[in-house]
Amino acid sequence: MRIYHFKDGPQKGEIDLNATLESMAKYEKWTTKPDWAGAFLYAVATAVEAWPERRYDVSFDSATNQVTIYRAL
């Protein structure tokens, strides 16, 4: 897995979720601590819907403010 960032445009420097999720291998887990968990979770959920043939499990731990994304298939 590789974490991609936008190089230009209005989202410059932010994580490119589509490219990052696409780079995840089967059974790989990504745990991150976003500043805005709600917006991040919404963006992840939207990106995950783009690949119905893949299976991602997304969870949020409010105690640690961490988002975990697991690619099952």
PDB file of N, CA and C in Angstrom:
ATOM      1  N   MET A   1       0.837  -1.180   0.000  1.00  0.00           N
ATOM      2  CA  MET A   1       0.000   0.000   0.000  1.00  0.00           C
ATOM      3  C   MET A   1       0.874   1.231   0.000  1.00  0.00           C
ATOM      4  N   ARG A   2       0.415   2.213  -0.700  1.00  0.00           N
ATOM      5  CA  ARG A   2       1.107   3.496  -0.737  1.00  0.00           C
ATOM      6  C   ARG A   2       0.079   4.599  -0.489  1.00  0.00           C
ATOM      7  N   ILE A   3       0.437   5.575   0.297  1.00  0.00           N
ATOM      8  CA  ILE A   3      -0.461   6.701   0.545  1.00  0.00           C
ATOM      9  C   ILE A   3      -0.133   7.796  -0.474  1.00  0.00           C
ATOM     10  N   TYR A   4      -1.121   8.100  -1.304  1.00  0.00           N
ATOM     11  CA  TYR A   4      -0.963   9.108  -2.355  1.00  0.00           C
ATOM     12  C   TYR A   4      -1.544  10.434  -1.890  1.00  0.00           C
ATOM     13  N   HIS A   5      -0.930  11.519  -2.349  1.00  0.00           N
ATOM     14  CA  HIS A   5      -1.408  12.870  -2.064  1.00  0.00           C
ATOM     15  C   HIS A   5      -1.629  13.606  -3.383  1.00  0.00           C
ATOM     16  N   PHE A   6      -2.591  14.519  -3.374  1.00  0.00           N
ATOM     17  CA  PHE A   6      -2.800  15.362  -4.550  1.00  0.00           C
ATOM     18  C   PHE A   6      -1.606  16.293  -4.710  1.00  0.00           C
ATOM     19  N   LYS A   7      -1.118  16.419  -5.930  1.00  0.00           N
ATOM     20  CA  LYS A   7       0.056  17.262  -6.186  1.00  0.00           C
ATOM     21  C   LYS A   7      -0.321  18.690  -6.536  1.00  0.00           C
ATOM     22  N   ASP A   8      -1.509  18.904  -7.084  1.00  0.00           N
ATOM     23  CA  ASP A   8      -1.951  20.254  -7.403  1.00  0.00           C
ATOM     24  C   ASP A   8      -3.466  20.326  -7.306  1.00  0.00           C
ATOM     25  N   GLY A   9      -3.981  21.496  -7.571  1.00  0.00           N
ATOM     26  CA  GLY A   9      -5.415  21.715  -7.490  1.00  0.00           C
ATOM     27  C   GLY A   9      -5.847  22.143  -6.106  1.00  0.00           C
ATOM     28  N   PRO A  10      -7.161  22.246  -5.908  1.00  0.00           N
ATOM     29  CA  PRO A  10      -7.683  22.736  -4.631  1.00  0.00           C
ATOM     30  C   PRO A  10      -7.417  21.805  -3.453  1.00  0.00           C
ATOM     31  N   GLN A  11      -7.138  20.533  -3.721  1.00  0.00           N
ATOM     32  CA  GLN A  11      -6.874  19.574  -2.643  1.00  0.00           C
ATOM     33  C   GLN A  11      -5.382  19.273  -2.502  1.00  0.00           C
ATOM     34  N   LYS A  12      -4.553  20.129  -3.008  1.00  0.00           N
ATOM     35  CA  LYS A  12      -3.104  19.923  -2.973  1.00  0.00           C
ATOM     36  C   LYS A  12      -2.633  19.572  -1.562  1.00  0.00           C
ATOM     37  N   GLY A  13      -1.869  18.482  -1.465  1.00  0.00           N
ATOM     38  CA  GLY A  13      -1.328  18.051  -0.189  1.00  0.00           C
ATOM     39  C   GLY A  13      -2.223  17.095   0.587  1.00  0.00           C
ATOM     40  N   GLU A  14      -3.506  17.018   0.233  1.00  0.00           N
ATOM     41  CA  GLU A  14      -4.425  16.117   0.926  1.00  0.00           C
ATOM     42  C   GLU A  14      -4.279  14.703   0.368  1.00  0.00           C
ATOM     43  N   ILE A  15      -4.741  13.722   1.126  1.00  0.00           N
ATOM     44  CA  ILE A  15      -4.663  12.329   0.693  1.00  0.00           C
ATOM     45  C   ILE A  15      -5.623  12.079  -0.469  1.00  0.00           C
ATOM     46  N   ASP A  16      -5.113  11.428  -1.508  1.00  0.00           N
ATOM     47  CA  ASP A  16      -5.924  10.988  -2.640  1.00  0.00           C
ATOM     48  C   ASP A  16      -6.479   9.619  -2.260  1.00  0.00           C
ATOM     49  N   LEU A  17      -7.694   9.600  -1.746  1.00  0.00           N
ATOM     50  CA  LEU A  17      -8.284   8.364  -1.232  1.00  0.00           C
ATOM     51  C   LEU A  17      -8.451   7.298  -2.307  1.00  0.00           C
ATOM     52  N   ASN A  18      -8.905   7.691  -3.500  1.00  0.00           N
ATOM     53  CA  ASN A  18      -9.113   6.696  -4.548  1.00  0.00           C
ATOM     54  C   ASN A  18      -7.815   5.972  -4.883  1.00  0.00           C
ATOM     55  N   ALA A  19      -6.754   6.719  -5.105  1.00  0.00           N
ATOM     56  CA  ALA A  19      -5.465   6.104  -5.450  1.00  0.00           C
ATOM     57  C   ALA A  19      -4.910   5.288  -4.284  1.00  0.00           C
ATOM     58  N   THR A  20      -5.070   5.779  -3.071  1.00  0.00           N
ATOM     59  CA  THR A  20      -4.564   5.071  -1.898  1.00  0.00           C
ATOM     60  C   THR A  20      -5.318   3.763  -1.678  1.00  0.00           C
ATOM     61  N   LEU A  21      -6.651   3.806  -1.735  1.00  0.00           N
ATOM     62  CA  LEU A  21      -7.438   2.592  -1.557  1.00  0.00           C
ATOM     63  C   LEU A  21      -7.165   1.589  -2.667  1.00  0.00           C
ATOM     64  N   GLU A  22      -6.992   2.079  -3.873  1.00  0.00           N
ATOM     65  CA  GLU A  22      -6.711   1.199  -5.004  1.00  0.00           C
ATOM     66  C   GLU A  22      -5.370   0.481  -4.841  1.00  0.00           C
ATOM     67  N   SER A  23      -4.438   1.102  -4.138  1.00  0.00           N
ATOM     68  CA  SER A  23      -3.113   0.505  -3.957  1.00  0.00           C
ATOM     69  C   SER A  23      -3.079  -0.546  -2.838  1.00  0.00           C
ATOM     70  N   MET A  24      -4.168  -0.667  -2.084  1.00  0.00           N
ATOM     71  CA  MET A  24      -4.197  -1.638  -0.986  1.00  0.00           C
ATOM     72  C   MET A  24      -4.278  -3.064  -1.524  1.00  0.00           C
ATOM     73  N   ALA A  25      -3.473  -3.942  -0.954  1.00  0.00           N
ATOM     74  CA  ALA A  25      -3.511  -5.363  -1.308  1.00  0.00           C
ATOM     75  C   ALA A  25      -4.591  -6.058  -0.482  1.00  0.00           C
ATOM     76  N   LYS A  26      -4.981  -7.242  -0.919  1.00  0.00           N
ATOM     77  CA  LYS A  26      -5.952  -8.025  -0.141  1.00  0.00           C
ATOM     78  C   LYS A  26      -5.409  -8.257   1.263  1.00  0.00           C
ATOM     79  N   TYR A  27      -6.296  -8.188   2.227  1.00  0.00           N
ATOM     80  CA  TYR A  27      -6.006  -8.433   3.652  1.00  0.00           C
ATOM     81  C   TYR A  27      -5.096  -7.374   4.280  1.00  0.00           C
ATOM     82  N   GLU A  28      -4.994  -6.235   3.639  1.00  0.00           N
ATOM     83  CA  GLU A  28      -4.159  -5.162   4.183  1.00  0.00           C
ATOM     84  C   GLU A  28      -5.019  -4.231   5.030  1.00  0.00           C
ATOM     85  N   LYS A  29      -4.437  -3.681   6.076  1.00  0.00           N
ATOM     86  CA  LYS A  29      -5.124  -2.777   6.991  1.00  0.00           C
ATOM     87  C   LYS A  29      -4.408  -1.431   7.003  1.00  0.00           C
ATOM     88  N   TRP A  30      -5.208  -0.359   7.007  1.00  0.00           N
ATOM     89  CA  TRP A  30      -4.671   0.993   7.081  1.00  0.00           C
ATOM     90  C   TRP A  30      -5.362   1.692   8.238  1.00  0.00           C
ATOM     91  N   THR A  31      -4.588   2.111   9.226  1.00  0.00           N
ATOM     92  CA  THR A  31      -5.120   2.852  10.362  1.00  0.00           C
ATOM     93  C   THR A  31      -4.547   4.259  10.307  1.00  0.00           C
ATOM     94  N   THR A  32      -5.434   5.234  10.367  1.00  0.00           N
ATOM     95  CA  THR A  32      -5.005   6.621  10.263  1.00  0.00           C
ATOM     96  C   THR A  32      -5.749   7.459  11.300  1.00  0.00           C
ATOM     97  N   LYS A  33      -5.201   8.580  11.631  1.00  0.00           N
ATOM     98  CA  LYS A  33      -5.789   9.472  12.629  1.00  0.00           C
ATOM     99  C   LYS A  33      -6.088  10.814  11.961  1.00  0.00           C
ATOM    100  N   PRO A  34      -7.220  10.926  11.281  1.00  0.00           N
ATOM    101  CA  PRO A  34      -7.540  12.164  10.567  1.00  0.00           C
ATOM    102  C   PRO A  34      -7.967  13.284  11.508  1.00  0.00           C
ATOM    103  N   ASP A  35      -7.750  14.500  11.069  1.00  0.00           N
ATOM    104  CA  ASP A  35      -8.175  15.658  11.852  1.00  0.00           C
ATOM    105  C   ASP A  35      -9.701  15.770  11.890  1.00  0.00           C
ATOM    106  N   TRP A  36     -10.343  15.512  10.774  1.00  0.00           N
ATOM    107  CA  TRP A  36     -11.783  15.611  10.667  1.00  0.00           C
ATOM    108  C   TRP A  36     -12.335  14.228  10.347  1.00  0.00           C
ATOM    109  N   ALA A  37     -12.533  13.423  11.346  1.00  0.00           N
ATOM    110  CA  ALA A  37     -12.928  12.023  11.148  1.00  0.00           C
ATOM    111  C   ALA A  37     -14.249  11.888  10.387  1.00  0.00           C
ATOM    112  N   GLY A  38     -15.227  12.708  10.688  1.00  0.00           N
ATOM    113  CA  GLY A  38     -16.525  12.608  10.017  1.00  0.00           C
ATOM    114  C   GLY A  38     -16.421  12.803   8.522  1.00  0.00           C
ATOM    115  N   ALA A  39     -15.758  13.863   8.100  1.00  0.00           N
ATOM    116  CA  ALA A  39     -15.591  14.129   6.677  1.00  0.00           C
ATOM    117  C   ALA A  39     -14.740  13.051   6.029  1.00  0.00           C
ATOM    118  N   PHE A  40     -13.740  12.572   6.739  1.00  0.00           N
ATOM    119  CA  PHE A  40     -12.853  11.541   6.212  1.00  0.00           C
ATOM    120  C   PHE A  40     -13.622  10.242   6.023  1.00  0.00           C
ATOM    121  N   LEU A  41     -14.434   9.863   7.000  1.00  0.00           N
ATOM    122  CA  LEU A  41     -15.231   8.636   6.889  1.00  0.00           C
ATOM    123  C   LEU A  41     -16.205   8.713   5.729  1.00  0.00           C
ATOM    124  N   TYR A  42     -16.822   9.860   5.534  1.00  0.00           N
ATOM    125  CA  TYR A  42     -17.747  10.037   4.415  1.00  0.00           C
ATOM    126  C   TYR A  42     -17.006   9.878   3.091  1.00  0.00           C
ATOM    127  N   ALA A  43     -15.830  10.482   2.986  1.00  0.00           N
ATOM    128  CA  ALA A  43     -15.037  10.388   1.756  1.00  0.00           C
ATOM    129  C   ALA A  43     -14.604   8.950   1.499  1.00  0.00           C
ATOM    130  N   VAL A  44     -14.199   8.236   2.547  1.00  0.00           N
ATOM    131  CA  VAL A  44     -13.796   6.833   2.400  1.00  0.00           C
ATOM    132  C   VAL A  44     -14.984   6.000   1.946  1.00  0.00           C
ATOM    133  N   ALA A  45     -16.134   6.188   2.566  1.00  0.00           N
ATOM    134  CA  ALA A  45     -17.324   5.417   2.206  1.00  0.00           C
ATOM    135  C   ALA A  45     -17.703   5.653   0.746  1.00  0.00           C
ATOM    136  N   THR A  46     -17.611   6.890   0.294  1.00  0.00           N
ATOM    137  CA  THR A  46     -17.917   7.218  -1.090  1.00  0.00           C
ATOM    138  C   THR A  46     -16.921   6.568  -2.038  1.00  0.00           C
ATOM    139  N   ALA A  47     -15.638   6.609  -1.697  1.00  0.00           N
ATOM    140  CA  ALA A  47     -14.609   6.009  -2.541  1.00  0.00           C
ATOM    141  C   ALA A  47     -14.747   4.501  -2.601  1.00  0.00           C
ATOM    142  N   VAL A  48     -15.078   3.877  -1.481  1.00  0.00           N
ATOM    143  CA  VAL A  48     -15.210   2.420  -1.410  1.00  0.00           C
ATOM    144  C   VAL A  48     -16.351   1.930  -2.308  1.00  0.00           C
ATOM    145  N   GLU A  49     -17.416   2.721  -2.433  1.00  0.00           N
ATOM    146  CA  GLU A  49     -18.553   2.342  -3.271  1.00  0.00           C
ATOM    147  C   GLU A  49     -18.163   2.214  -4.740  1.00  0.00           C
ATOM    148  N   ALA A  50     -17.067   2.816  -5.133  1.00  0.00           N
ATOM    149  CA  ALA A  50     -16.624   2.782  -6.534  1.00  0.00           C
ATOM    150  C   ALA A  50     -16.134   1.396  -6.943  1.00  0.00           C
ATOM    151  N   TRP A  51     -15.794   0.550  -5.976  1.00  0.00           N
ATOM    152  CA  TRP A  51     -15.276  -0.789  -6.277  1.00  0.00           C
ATOM    153  C   TRP A  51     -16.143  -1.862  -5.623  1.00  0.00           C
ATOM    154  N   PRO A  52     -17.294  -2.178  -6.215  1.00  0.00           N
ATOM    155  CA  PRO A  52     -18.151  -3.198  -5.596  1.00  0.00           C
ATOM    156  C   PRO A  52     -17.514  -4.586  -5.596  1.00  0.00           C
ATOM    157  N   GLU A  53     -16.549  -4.829  -6.479  1.00  0.00           N
ATOM    158  CA  GLU A  53     -15.885  -6.136  -6.527  1.00  0.00           C
ATOM    159  C   GLU A  53     -14.862  -6.315  -5.411  1.00  0.00           C
ATOM    160  N   ARG A  54     -14.533  -5.250  -4.733  1.00  0.00           N
ATOM    161  CA  ARG A  54     -13.620  -5.328  -3.590  1.00  0.00           C
ATOM    162  C   ARG A  54     -14.435  -5.254  -2.312  1.00  0.00           C
ATOM    163  N   ARG A  55     -13.857  -5.664  -1.213  1.00  0.00           N
ATOM    164  CA  ARG A  55     -14.564  -5.593   0.063  1.00  0.00           C
ATOM    165  C   ARG A  55     -13.696  -4.832   1.047  1.00  0.00           C
ATOM    166  N   TYR A  56     -14.170  -3.680   1.478  1.00  0.00           N
ATOM    167  CA  TYR A  56     -13.477  -2.883   2.480  1.00  0.00           C
ATOM    168  C   TYR A  56     -14.349  -2.819   3.726  1.00  0.00           C
ATOM    169  N   ASP A  57     -13.740  -2.994   4.872  1.00  0.00           N
ATOM    170  CA  ASP A  57     -14.422  -2.777   6.136  1.00  0.00           C
ATOM    171  C   ASP A  57     -13.829  -1.508   6.746  1.00  0.00           C
ATOM    172  N   VAL A  58     -14.701  -0.588   7.107  1.00  0.00           N
ATOM    173  CA  VAL A  58     -14.262   0.695   7.653  1.00  0.00           C
ATOM    174  C   VAL A  58     -14.815   0.839   9.061  1.00  0.00           C
ATOM    175  N   SER A  59     -13.946   1.181  10.009  1.00  0.00           N
ATOM    176  CA  SER A  59     -14.397   1.376  11.385  1.00  0.00           C
ATOM    177  C   SER A  59     -13.735   2.613  11.977  1.00  0.00           C
ATOM    178  N   PHE A  60     -14.397   3.151  12.976  1.00  0.00           N
ATOM    179  CA  PHE A  60     -13.897   4.347  13.654  1.00  0.00           C
ATOM    180  C   PHE A  60     -13.897   4.096  15.145  1.00  0.00           C
ATOM    181  N   ASP A  61     -12.783   4.385  15.789  1.00  0.00           N
ATOM    182  CA  ASP A  61     -12.658   4.245  17.243  1.00  0.00           C
ATOM    183  C   ASP A  61     -12.671   5.650  17.835  1.00  0.00           C
ATOM    184  N   SER A  62     -13.763   6.010  18.487  1.00  0.00           N
ATOM    185  CA  SER A  62     -13.896   7.369  19.024  1.00  0.00           C
ATOM    186  C   SER A  62     -12.948   7.629  20.192  1.00  0.00           C
ATOM    187  N   ALA A  63     -12.530   6.598  20.885  1.00  0.00           N
ATOM    188  CA  ALA A  63     -11.615   6.777  22.016  1.00  0.00           C
ATOM    189  C   ALA A  63     -10.233   7.236  21.545  1.00  0.00           C
ATOM    190  N   THR A  64      -9.791   6.710  20.401  1.00  0.00           N
ATOM    191  CA  THR A  64      -8.465   7.069  19.882  1.00  0.00           C
ATOM    192  C   THR A  64      -8.539   7.998  18.680  1.00  0.00           C
ATOM    193  N   ASN A  65      -9.763   8.261  18.184  1.00  0.00           N
ATOM    194  CA  ASN A  65      -9.980   9.084  16.997  1.00  0.00           C
ATOM    195  C   ASN A  65      -9.238   8.495  15.790  1.00  0.00           C
ATOM    196  N   GLN A  66      -9.288   7.168  15.653  1.00  0.00           N
ATOM    197  CA  GLN A  66      -8.613   6.510  14.545  1.00  0.00           C
ATOM    198  C   GLN A  66      -9.608   5.814  13.629  1.00  0.00           C
ATOM    199  N   VAL A  67      -9.346   5.918  12.340  1.00  0.00           N
ATOM    200  CA  VAL A  67     -10.121   5.233  11.321  1.00  0.00           C
ATOM    201  C   VAL A  67      -9.294   4.050  10.851  1.00  0.00           C
ATOM    202  N   THR A  68      -9.923   2.865  10.780  1.00  0.00           N
ATOM    203  CA  THR A  68      -9.245   1.685  10.282  1.00  0.00           C
ATOM    204  C   THR A  68      -9.984   1.194   9.045  1.00  0.00           C
ATOM    205  N   ILE A  69      -9.238   0.990   7.972  1.00  0.00           N
ATOM    206  CA  ILE A  69      -9.777   0.482   6.719  1.00  0.00           C
ATOM    207  C   ILE A  69      -9.074  -0.840   6.445  1.00  0.00           C
ATOM    208  N   TYR A  70      -9.885  -1.884   6.231  1.00  0.00           N
ATOM    209  CA  TYR A  70      -9.344  -3.209   5.993  1.00  0.00           C
ATOM    210  C   TYR A  70      -9.875  -3.706   4.666  1.00  0.00           C
ATOM    211  N   ARG A  71      -8.970  -4.119   3.776  1.00  0.00           N
ATOM    212  CA  ARG A  71      -9.410  -4.672   2.493  1.00  0.00           C
ATOM    213  C   ARG A  71      -9.486  -6.183   2.625  1.00  0.00           C
ATOM    214  N   ALA A  72     -10.696  -6.719   2.581  1.00  0.00           N
ATOM    215  CA  ALA A  72     -10.891  -8.157   2.765  1.00  0.00           C
ATOM    216  C   ALA A  72     -10.775  -8.938   1.457  1.00  0.00           C
ATOM    217  N   LEU A  73     -11.171  -8.357   0.326  1.00  0.00           N
ATOM    218  CA  LEU A  73     -11.076  -9.039  -0.972  1.00  0.00           C
ATOM    219  C   LEU A  73     -10.427  -8.152  -1.998  1.00  0.00           C
TER     220      LEU A  73
END
